């Protein structure tokens, strides 16, 4: 069973709660990036940042009188979650190997660092999952997306699409402090391309969450996209980043939708139906 039987929580707070939560997140992140402007923060700082996001989300949910535990998927969903993500990357690698054998630009018929150093890869993937993907998805999808979906009409197609779209934009803007403070980039075409790519990423993750309500699934996709498990060496040319992203995210959402339908679920838990009710998770 890929997804837990959840609807939207009954949030008791108003729109100022998610706004304040997001602004606090941006403020603290800007301070951390200014303190450690390197391309990659020290491990201890990264762990602390992940812990902060979890605590902030728990605090926001408490203000909303929503308990966190019922929002977390049960352990029985872990096996199908891993299966769906593994299927996605298996298909991706089949295409990558075929392109490499065909001498396509950016694809080389040589083993990647993931294939030659699997233990190092697994360590990096686990670190990204625990300290980046799960905390960020907990904040952006489990709380903010569901909150804005609720504010926009609840468990309706309009509410779901509004929640996905709003949080996708917030997710893209969330990365601006590192763009300006750590990387030294300015305003221009590269920034626009970067924001568009991040917004597409947010739309994909938001759609996966709306289809399944499963934090573990969207977090594992997030972590593995940060560290793609390619078998062959892949370097997508910069001018094709956006096109490659569109193809990747479309394939991701399509595969998840297919998995939900094949598992026997006719309607996703958080979205897409025109009418519906949801159980309370309040204290």
C-alpha atoms as a PDB file:
ATOM      1  CA  UNK A   1       0.000   0.000   0.000  1.00  0.00           C
ATOM      2  CA  UNK A   2       1.686   3.153  -1.218  1.00  0.00           C
ATOM      3  CA  UNK A   3      -0.337   5.801   0.538  1.00  0.00           C
ATOM      4  CA  UNK A   4      -1.913   6.117   3.987  1.00  0.00           C
ATOM      5  CA  UNK A   5      -5.672   6.802   4.230  1.00  0.00           C
ATOM      6  CA  UNK A   6      -5.386  10.471   5.176  1.00  0.00           C
ATOM      7  CA  UNK A   7      -7.325  13.581   4.337  1.00  0.00           C
ATOM      8  CA  UNK A   8      -6.486  17.155   5.206  1.00  0.00           C
ATOM      9  CA  UNK A   9      -5.944  18.002   8.868  1.00  0.00           C
ATOM     10  CA  UNK A  10      -8.299  20.511  10.457  1.00  0.00           C
ATOM     11  CA  UNK A  11      -6.045  23.527  10.992  1.00  0.00           C
ATOM     12  CA  UNK A  12      -7.214  25.944  13.710  1.00  0.00           C
ATOM     13  CA  UNK A  13      -4.785  28.779  12.896  1.00  0.00           C
ATOM     14  CA  UNK A  14      -5.285  31.489  10.300  1.00  0.00           C
ATOM     15  CA  UNK A  15      -3.172  32.429   7.266  1.00  0.00           C
ATOM     16  CA  UNK A  16      -0.644  34.325   9.399  1.00  0.00           C
ATOM     17  CA  UNK A  17       0.713  31.094  10.889  1.00  0.00           C
ATOM     18  CA  UNK A  18       2.184  29.673   7.635  1.00  0.00           C
ATOM     19  CA  UNK A  19       3.345  33.145   6.541  1.00  0.00           C
ATOM     20  CA  UNK A  20       5.191  33.709   9.817  1.00  0.00           C
ATOM     21  CA  UNK A  21       6.636  30.193   9.673  1.00  0.00           C
ATOM     22  CA  UNK A  22       7.956  30.723   6.162  1.00  0.00           C
ATOM     23  CA  UNK A  23       9.415  34.167   6.899  1.00  0.00           C
ATOM     24  CA  UNK A  24      11.155  32.804   9.987  1.00  0.00           C
ATOM     25  CA  UNK A  25      12.586  29.996   7.866  1.00  0.00           C
ATOM     26  CA  UNK A  26      13.967  32.463   5.301  1.00  0.00           C
ATOM     27  CA  UNK A  27      15.365  34.728   8.021  1.00  0.00           C
ATOM     28  CA  UNK A  28      17.217  31.939   9.829  1.00  0.00           C
ATOM     29  CA  UNK A  29      18.459  30.456   6.562  1.00  0.00           C
ATOM     30  CA  UNK A  30      19.807  33.836   5.441  1.00  0.00           C
ATOM     31  CA  UNK A  31      21.682  34.158   8.732  1.00  0.00           C
ATOM     32  CA  UNK A  32      23.187  30.681   8.408  1.00  0.00           C
ATOM     33  CA  UNK A  33      24.229  31.248   4.795  1.00  0.00           C
ATOM     34  CA  UNK A  34      25.827  34.583   5.723  1.00  0.00           C
ATOM     35  CA  UNK A  35      27.649  32.851   8.589  1.00  0.00           C
ATOM     36  CA  UNK A  36      28.811  29.971   6.374  1.00  0.00           C
ATOM     37  CA  UNK A  37      28.824  31.217   2.758  1.00  0.00           C
ATOM     38  CA  UNK A  38      30.584  28.195   1.277  1.00  0.00           C
ATOM     39  CA  UNK A  39      29.016  26.124  -1.458  1.00  0.00           C
ATOM     40  CA  UNK A  40      28.358  23.345   1.055  1.00  0.00           C
ATOM     41  CA  UNK A  41      27.770  24.042   4.768  1.00  0.00           C
ATOM     42  CA  UNK A  42      29.718  22.109   7.428  1.00  0.00           C
ATOM     43  CA  UNK A  43      28.043  18.800   8.386  1.00  0.00           C
ATOM     44  CA  UNK A  44      27.225  19.986  11.911  1.00  0.00           C
ATOM     45  CA  UNK A  45      25.551  23.122  10.553  1.00  0.00           C
ATOM     46  CA  UNK A  46      23.586  21.070   8.035  1.00  0.00           C
ATOM     47  CA  UNK A  47      22.385  18.723  10.765  1.00  0.00           C
ATOM     48  CA  UNK A  48      21.413  21.675  12.933  1.00  0.00           C
ATOM     49  CA  UNK A  49      19.485  23.255  10.068  1.00  0.00           C
ATOM     50  CA  UNK A  50      17.559  20.046   9.456  1.00  0.00           C
ATOM     51  CA  UNK A  51      16.716  19.802  13.146  1.00  0.00           C
ATOM     52  CA  UNK A  52      15.550  23.426  13.161  1.00  0.00           C
ATOM     53  CA  UNK A  53      13.150  22.797  10.262  1.00  0.00           C
ATOM     54  CA  UNK A  54      11.648  19.808  12.058  1.00  0.00           C
ATOM     55  CA  UNK A  55      11.205  21.732  15.311  1.00  0.00           C
ATOM     56  CA  UNK A  56       9.749  24.723  13.481  1.00  0.00           C
ATOM     57  CA  UNK A  57       7.238  22.515  11.678  1.00  0.00           C
ATOM     58  CA  UNK A  58       6.233  20.804  14.917  1.00  0.00           C
ATOM     59  CA  UNK A  59       5.801  24.204  16.565  1.00  0.00           C
ATOM     60  CA  UNK A  60       3.654  25.490  13.688  1.00  0.00           C
ATOM     61  CA  UNK A  61       1.488  22.369  13.825  1.00  0.00           C
ATOM     62  CA  UNK A  62       1.062  22.816  17.569  1.00  0.00           C
ATOM     63  CA  UNK A  63      -0.148  26.369  17.004  1.00  0.00           C
ATOM     64  CA  UNK A  64      -2.556  24.901  14.458  1.00  0.00           C
ATOM     65  CA  UNK A  65      -3.589  22.253  17.079  1.00  0.00           C
ATOM     66  CA  UNK A  66      -2.573  19.463  14.706  1.00  0.00           C
ATOM     67  CA  UNK A  67      -0.536  16.502  15.888  1.00  0.00           C
ATOM     68  CA  UNK A  68       2.436  15.427  13.766  1.00  0.00           C
ATOM     69  CA  UNK A  69       2.283  11.686  14.317  1.00  0.00           C
ATOM     70  CA  UNK A  70      -0.947  11.027  12.364  1.00  0.00           C
ATOM     71  CA  UNK A  71       0.566  12.912   9.415  1.00  0.00           C
ATOM     72  CA  UNK A  72       3.520  10.527   9.123  1.00  0.00           C
ATOM     73  CA  UNK A  73       3.017   7.518   6.841  1.00  0.00           C
ATOM     74  CA  UNK A  74       3.009   4.079   8.502  1.00  0.00           C
ATOM     75  CA  UNK A  75       6.057   1.861   8.202  1.00  0.00           C
ATOM     76  CA  UNK A  76       4.201  -0.580   5.966  1.00  0.00           C
ATOM     77  CA  UNK A  77       4.424   1.965   3.146  1.00  0.00           C
ATOM     78  CA  UNK A  78       8.239   1.933   3.136  1.00  0.00           C
ATOM     79  CA  UNK A  79       8.558  -1.140   0.895  1.00  0.00           C
ATOM     80  CA  UNK A  80       6.312   0.210  -1.902  1.00  0.00           C
ATOM     81  CA  UNK A  81       7.938   3.644  -1.527  1.00  0.00           C
ATOM     82  CA  UNK A  82      11.393   2.179  -2.145  1.00  0.00           C
ATOM     83  CA  UNK A  83       9.973   0.099  -4.973  1.00  0.00           C
ATOM     84  CA  UNK A  84       8.503   3.120  -6.795  1.00  0.00           C
ATOM     85  CA  UNK A  85      11.685   5.196  -6.444  1.00  0.00           C
ATOM     86  CA  UNK A  86      13.842   2.229  -7.491  1.00  0.00           C
ATOM     87  CA  UNK A  87      11.624   1.696 -10.552  1.00  0.00           C
ATOM     88  CA  UNK A  88      11.996   5.363 -11.517  1.00  0.00           C
ATOM     89  CA  UNK A  89      15.789   5.236 -11.352  1.00  0.00           C
ATOM     90  CA  UNK A  90      15.944   1.861 -13.094  1.00  0.00           C
ATOM     91  CA  UNK A  91      14.037   3.317 -16.044  1.00  0.00           C
ATOM     92  CA  UNK A  92      16.165   6.465 -15.934  1.00  0.00           C
ATOM     93  CA  UNK A  93      19.360   4.423 -16.037  1.00  0.00           C
ATOM     94  CA  UNK A  94      18.105   2.331 -18.942  1.00  0.00           C
ATOM     95  CA  UNK A  95      17.580   5.519 -20.922  1.00  0.00           C
ATOM     96  CA  UNK A  96      20.944   6.933 -19.777  1.00  0.00           C
ATOM     97  CA  UNK A  97      22.827   3.776 -20.814  1.00  0.00           C
ATOM     98  CA  UNK A  98      21.087   3.774 -24.193  1.00  0.00           C
ATOM     99  CA  UNK A  99      22.002   7.431 -24.751  1.00  0.00           C
ATOM    100  CA  UNK A 100      25.580   6.751 -23.663  1.00  0.00           C
ATOM    101  CA  UNK A 101      25.902   3.856 -26.093  1.00  0.00           C
ATOM    102  CA  UNK A 102      24.495   6.139 -28.758  1.00  0.00           C
ATOM    103  CA  UNK A 103      27.160   8.771 -27.963  1.00  0.00           C
ATOM    104  CA  UNK A 104      24.561  11.402 -26.987  1.00  0.00           C
ATOM    105  CA  UNK A 105      26.074  14.645 -25.614  1.00  0.00           C
ATOM    106  CA  UNK A 106      26.401  14.551 -21.824  1.00  0.00           C
ATOM    107  CA  UNK A 107      26.217  10.748 -21.552  1.00  0.00           C
ATOM    108  CA  UNK A 108      29.416   8.707 -21.367  1.00  0.00           C
ATOM    109  CA  UNK A 109      29.748   4.937 -21.590  1.00  0.00           C
ATOM    110  CA  UNK A 110      31.876   4.819 -18.429  1.00  0.00           C
ATOM    111  CA  UNK A 111      30.911   3.918 -14.873  1.00  0.00           C
ATOM    112  CA  UNK A 112      29.806   6.813 -12.675  1.00  0.00           C
ATOM    113  CA  UNK A 113      31.191   7.574  -9.208  1.00  0.00           C
ATOM    114  CA  UNK A 114      28.005   6.063  -7.779  1.00  0.00           C
ATOM    115  CA  UNK A 115      28.784   2.736  -9.444  1.00  0.00           C
ATOM    116  CA  UNK A 116      32.471   2.754  -8.471  1.00  0.00           C
ATOM    117  CA  UNK A 117      31.956   3.988  -4.881  1.00  0.00           C
ATOM    118  CA  UNK A 118      28.530   2.664  -3.801  1.00  0.00           C
ATOM    119  CA  UNK A 119      29.148   2.952  -0.036  1.00  0.00           C
ATOM    120  CA  UNK A 120      30.158   6.601  -0.300  1.00  0.00           C
ATOM    121  CA  UNK A 121      27.077   7.217  -2.404  1.00  0.00           C
ATOM    122  CA  UNK A 122      24.768   5.533   0.108  1.00  0.00           C
ATOM    123  CA  UNK A 123      26.286   7.626   2.905  1.00  0.00           C
ATOM    124  CA  UNK A 124      25.683  10.857   0.980  1.00  0.00           C
ATOM    125  CA  UNK A 125      22.149   9.769   0.060  1.00  0.00           C
ATOM    126  CA  UNK A 126      21.284   8.897   3.665  1.00  0.00           C
ATOM    127  CA  UNK A 127      22.675  12.202   4.918  1.00  0.00           C
ATOM    128  CA  UNK A 128      20.653  14.119   2.322  1.00  0.00           C
ATOM    129  CA  UNK A 129      17.526  12.154   3.201  1.00  0.00           C
ATOM    130  CA  UNK A 130      17.772  12.688   6.962  1.00  0.00           C
ATOM    131  CA  UNK A 131      19.037  16.260   7.162  1.00  0.00           C
ATOM    132  CA  UNK A 132      17.736  17.873   3.974  1.00  0.00           C
ATOM    133  CA  UNK A 133      14.928  16.014   2.230  1.00  0.00           C
ATOM    134  CA  UNK A 134      12.791  14.889   5.175  1.00  0.00           C
ATOM    135  CA  UNK A 135      12.991  18.231   7.076  1.00  0.00           C
ATOM    136  CA  UNK A 136      12.269  20.308   3.950  1.00  0.00           C
ATOM    137  CA  UNK A 137       9.436  18.094   2.756  1.00  0.00           C
ATOM    138  CA  UNK A 138       7.987  17.978   6.258  1.00  0.00           C
ATOM    139  CA  UNK A 139       7.794  21.779   6.252  1.00  0.00           C
ATOM    140  CA  UNK A 140       6.841  22.432   2.634  1.00  0.00           C
ATOM    141  CA  UNK A 141       4.571  19.516   1.845  1.00  0.00           C
ATOM    142  CA  UNK A 142       3.280  18.039   5.113  1.00  0.00           C
ATOM    143  CA  UNK A 143       2.540  21.447   6.621  1.00  0.00           C
ATOM    144  CA  UNK A 144       2.601  24.348   4.145  1.00  0.00           C
ATOM    145  CA  UNK A 145       1.061  22.560   1.163  1.00  0.00           C
ATOM    146  CA  UNK A 146      -1.723  21.053   3.226  1.00  0.00           C
ATOM    147  CA  UNK A 147      -2.310  24.368   5.008  1.00  0.00           C
ATOM    148  CA  UNK A 148      -2.577  26.384   1.788  1.00  0.00           C
ATOM    149  CA  UNK A 149      -4.729  23.640   0.262  1.00  0.00           C
ATOM    150  CA  UNK A 150      -7.049  24.006   3.226  1.00  0.00           C
ATOM    151  CA  UNK A 151      -7.117  27.796   2.902  1.00  0.00           C
ATOM    152  CA  UNK A 152      -7.826  27.547  -0.852  1.00  0.00           C
ATOM    153  CA  UNK A 153     -10.863  25.321  -0.563  1.00  0.00           C
ATOM    154  CA  UNK A 154      -9.845  22.071   1.082  1.00  0.00           C
ATOM    155  CA  UNK A 155     -10.056  18.676  -0.574  1.00  0.00           C
ATOM    156  CA  UNK A 156     -11.095  19.944  -3.992  1.00  0.00           C
ATOM    157  CA  UNK A 157      -9.284  20.124  -7.308  1.00  0.00           C
ATOM    158  CA  UNK A 158      -8.975  23.900  -6.963  1.00  0.00           C
ATOM    159  CA  UNK A 159      -7.684  23.669  -3.414  1.00  0.00           C
ATOM    160  CA  UNK A 160      -5.146  20.976  -4.280  1.00  0.00           C
ATOM    161  CA  UNK A 161      -3.790  22.788  -7.323  1.00  0.00           C
ATOM    162  CA  UNK A 162      -3.610  26.071  -5.394  1.00  0.00           C
ATOM    163  CA  UNK A 163      -1.698  24.433  -2.551  1.00  0.00           C
ATOM    164  CA  UNK A 164       0.738  22.760  -4.938  1.00  0.00           C
ATOM    165  CA  UNK A 165       1.321  25.958  -6.935  1.00  0.00           C
ATOM    166  CA  UNK A 166       1.736  28.332  -3.979  1.00  0.00           C
ATOM    167  CA  UNK A 167       4.193  26.082  -2.189  1.00  0.00           C
ATOM    168  CA  UNK A 168       6.140  25.386  -5.400  1.00  0.00           C
ATOM    169  CA  UNK A 169       6.779  29.145  -5.677  1.00  0.00           C
ATOM    170  CA  UNK A 170       7.707  29.374  -1.981  1.00  0.00           C
ATOM    171  CA  UNK A 171      10.031  26.391  -2.422  1.00  0.00           C
ATOM    172  CA  UNK A 172      11.816  28.128  -5.307  1.00  0.00           C
ATOM    173  CA  UNK A 173      12.184  31.402  -3.385  1.00  0.00           C
ATOM    174  CA  UNK A 174      13.472  29.429  -0.391  1.00  0.00           C
ATOM    175  CA  UNK A 175      16.698  28.834  -2.336  1.00  0.00           C
ATOM    176  CA  UNK A 176      17.401  32.523  -3.006  1.00  0.00           C
ATOM    177  CA  UNK A 177      19.550  33.194   0.100  1.00  0.00           C
ATOM    178  CA  UNK A 178      22.146  30.670  -1.028  1.00  0.00           C
ATOM    179  CA  UNK A 179      21.976  32.000  -4.601  1.00  0.00           C
ATOM    180  CA  UNK A 180      22.777  35.557  -3.550  1.00  0.00           C
ATOM    181  CA  UNK A 181      24.750  35.151  -0.310  1.00  0.00           C
ATOM    182  CA  UNK A 182      26.754  31.976  -0.919  1.00  0.00           C
ATOM    183  CA  UNK A 183      27.118  31.677  -4.670  1.00  0.00           C
ATOM    184  CA  UNK A 184      27.548  35.372  -5.462  1.00  0.00           C
ATOM    185  CA  UNK A 185      25.104  35.360  -8.362  1.00  0.00           C
ATOM    186  CA  UNK A 186      23.113  38.419  -9.306  1.00  0.00           C
ATOM    187  CA  UNK A 187      19.820  39.148 -10.996  1.00  0.00           C
ATOM    188  CA  UNK A 188      19.589  38.025 -14.611  1.00  0.00           C
ATOM    189  CA  UNK A 189      18.727  35.220 -16.970  1.00  0.00           C
ATOM    190  CA  UNK A 190      20.528  32.532 -14.908  1.00  0.00           C
ATOM    191  CA  UNK A 191      18.440  33.486 -11.872  1.00  0.00           C
ATOM    192  CA  UNK A 192      15.211  33.246 -13.871  1.00  0.00           C
ATOM    193  CA  UNK A 193      16.201  29.821 -15.170  1.00  0.00           C
ATOM    194  CA  UNK A 194      17.163  28.683 -11.697  1.00  0.00           C
ATOM    195  CA  UNK A 195      13.867  29.818 -10.179  1.00  0.00           C
ATOM    196  CA  UNK A 196      11.864  28.193 -12.970  1.00  0.00           C
ATOM    197  CA  UNK A 197      13.709  24.914 -12.521  1.00  0.00           C
ATOM    198  CA  UNK A 198      13.141  24.982  -8.758  1.00  0.00           C
ATOM    199  CA  UNK A 199       9.460  25.835  -9.245  1.00  0.00           C
ATOM    200  CA  UNK A 200       9.088  22.838 -11.573  1.00  0.00           C
ATOM    201  CA  UNK A 201      10.791  20.703  -8.946  1.00  0.00           C
ATOM    202  CA  UNK A 202       8.361  22.003  -6.338  1.00  0.00           C
ATOM    203  CA  UNK A 203       5.408  21.260  -8.621  1.00  0.00           C
ATOM    204  CA  UNK A 204       6.641  17.690  -9.082  1.00  0.00           C
ATOM    205  CA  UNK A 205       7.204  17.056  -5.378  1.00  0.00           C
ATOM    206  CA  UNK A 206       3.908  18.714  -4.541  1.00  0.00           C
ATOM    207  CA  UNK A 207       2.063  16.555  -7.072  1.00  0.00           C
ATOM    208  CA  UNK A 208       3.680  13.392  -5.699  1.00  0.00           C
ATOM    209  CA  UNK A 209       2.583  14.383  -2.204  1.00  0.00           C
ATOM    210  CA  UNK A 210      -0.934  15.296  -3.334  1.00  0.00           C
ATOM    211  CA  UNK A 211      -1.253  11.944  -5.089  1.00  0.00           C
ATOM    212  CA  UNK A 212      -0.002   9.860  -2.173  1.00  0.00           C
ATOM    213  CA  UNK A 213       0.122  11.883   1.055  1.00  0.00           C
ATOM    214  CA  UNK A 214       3.365   9.997   1.723  1.00  0.00           C
ATOM    215  CA  UNK A 215       6.230  12.011   3.220  1.00  0.00           C
ATOM    216  CA  UNK A 216       8.703   9.142   2.836  1.00  0.00           C
ATOM    217  CA  UNK A 217       8.052   8.888  -0.901  1.00  0.00           C
ATOM    218  CA  UNK A 218       8.483  12.573  -1.708  1.00  0.00           C
ATOM    219  CA  UNK A 219      11.518  12.818   0.603  1.00  0.00           C
ATOM    220  CA  UNK A 220      13.231   9.838  -1.038  1.00  0.00           C
ATOM    221  CA  UNK A 221      12.600  11.327  -4.473  1.00  0.00           C
ATOM    222  CA  UNK A 222      14.016  14.643  -3.193  1.00  0.00           C
ATOM    223  CA  UNK A 223      17.157  13.045  -1.757  1.00  0.00           C
ATOM    224  CA  UNK A 224      17.804  10.858  -4.790  1.00  0.00           C
ATOM    225  CA  UNK A 225      17.351  13.814  -7.150  1.00  0.00           C
ATOM    226  CA  UNK A 226      20.005  15.620  -5.089  1.00  0.00           C
ATOM    227  CA  UNK A 227      22.279  12.583  -5.546  1.00  0.00           C
ATOM    228  CA  UNK A 228      21.144  10.791  -8.729  1.00  0.00           C
ATOM    229  CA  UNK A 229      22.129   7.086  -8.701  1.00  0.00           C
ATOM    230  CA  UNK A 230      23.418   7.015 -12.253  1.00  0.00           C
ATOM    231  CA  UNK A 231      25.263   3.907 -13.407  1.00  0.00           C
ATOM    232  CA  UNK A 232      27.033   5.758 -16.233  1.00  0.00           C
ATOM    233  CA  UNK A 233      28.576   9.220 -16.193  1.00  0.00           C
ATOM    234  CA  UNK A 234      25.935  11.862 -16.934  1.00  0.00           C
ATOM    235  CA  UNK A 235      26.579  15.575 -17.419  1.00  0.00           C
ATOM    236  CA  UNK A 236      23.569  17.343 -18.878  1.00  0.00           C
ATOM    237  CA  UNK A 237      24.623  20.476 -20.836  1.00  0.00           C
ATOM    238  CA  UNK A 238      23.531  23.681 -19.116  1.00  0.00           C
ATOM    239  CA  UNK A 239      21.333  24.711 -22.038  1.00  0.00           C
ATOM    240  CA  UNK A 240      19.362  21.471 -21.634  1.00  0.00           C
ATOM    241  CA  UNK A 241      18.885  21.576 -17.844  1.00  0.00           C
ATOM    242  CA  UNK A 242      15.343  22.901 -18.059  1.00  0.00           C
ATOM    243  CA  UNK A 243      14.284  20.425 -20.764  1.00  0.00           C
ATOM    244  CA  UNK A 244      15.806  17.532 -18.832  1.00  0.00           C
ATOM    245  CA  UNK A 245      14.033  18.707 -15.686  1.00  0.00           C
ATOM    246  CA  UNK A 246      10.652  18.797 -17.406  1.00  0.00           C
ATOM    247  CA  UNK A 247      11.145  15.242 -18.698  1.00  0.00           C
ATOM    248  CA  UNK A 248      12.357  13.971 -15.301  1.00  0.00           C
ATOM    249  CA  UNK A 249       9.530  15.509 -13.299  1.00  0.00           C
ATOM    250  CA  UNK A 250       6.856  14.485 -15.793  1.00  0.00           C
ATOM    251  CA  UNK A 251       8.134  10.903 -15.656  1.00  0.00           C
ATOM    252  CA  UNK A 252       8.230  10.990 -11.856  1.00  0.00           C
ATOM    253  CA  UNK A 253       4.651  12.195 -11.455  1.00  0.00           C
ATOM    254  CA  UNK A 254       3.369   9.852 -14.174  1.00  0.00           C
ATOM    255  CA  UNK A 255       4.999   6.833 -12.526  1.00  0.00           C
ATOM    256  CA  UNK A 256       3.560   7.735  -9.120  1.00  0.00           C
ATOM    257  CA  UNK A 257       0.100   8.261 -10.604  1.00  0.00           C
ATOM    258  CA  UNK A 258       0.322   4.865 -12.314  1.00  0.00           C
ATOM    259  CA  UNK A 259       1.456   3.220  -9.072  1.00  0.00           C
ATOM    260  CA  UNK A 260      -1.475   4.744  -7.169  1.00  0.00           C
ATOM    261  CA  UNK A 261      -3.960   3.516  -9.769  1.00  0.00           C
ATOM    262  CA  UNK A 262      -2.430   0.034  -9.920  1.00  0.00           C
ATOM    263  CA  UNK A 263      -2.554  -0.222  -6.126  1.00  0.00           C
ATOM    264  CA  UNK A 264      -6.334  -0.022  -6.342  1.00  0.00           C
ATOM    265  CA  UNK A 265      -6.851   3.575  -5.171  1.00  0.00           C
ATOM    266  CA  UNK A 266      -9.279   5.427  -7.385  1.00  0.00           C
ATOM    267  CA  UNK A 267      -8.849   8.819  -5.723  1.00  0.00           C
ATOM    268  CA  UNK A 268      -5.733  10.342  -4.130  1.00  0.00           C
ATOM    269  CA  UNK A 269      -6.030  11.293  -0.437  1.00  0.00           C
ATOM    270  CA  UNK A 270      -5.326  15.010  -0.575  1.00  0.00           C
ATOM    271  CA  UNK A 271      -6.430  16.164  -3.966  1.00  0.00           C
ATOM    272  CA  UNK A 272      -8.170  15.886  -7.285  1.00  0.00           C
ATOM    273  CA  UNK A 273     -11.699  15.043  -6.095  1.00  0.00           C
ATOM    274  CA  UNK A 274     -14.157  17.876  -6.448  1.00  0.00           C
ATOM    275  CA  UNK A 275     -15.792  17.320  -3.097  1.00  0.00           C
ATOM    276  CA  UNK A 276     -14.778  15.574   0.075  1.00  0.00           C
ATOM    277  CA  UNK A 277     -14.328  15.670   3.791  1.00  0.00           C
ATOM    278  CA  UNK A 278     -11.308  14.996   5.908  1.00  0.00           C
ATOM    279  CA  UNK A 279     -10.757  13.610   9.375  1.00  0.00           C
ATOM    280  CA  UNK A 280      -9.590  15.803  12.196  1.00  0.00           C
ATOM    281  CA  UNK A 281      -6.109  15.312  13.531  1.00  0.00           C
ATOM    282  CA  UNK A 282      -6.418  17.973  16.181  1.00  0.00           C
ATOM    283  CA  UNK A 283      -5.664  17.335  19.827  1.00  0.00           C
END
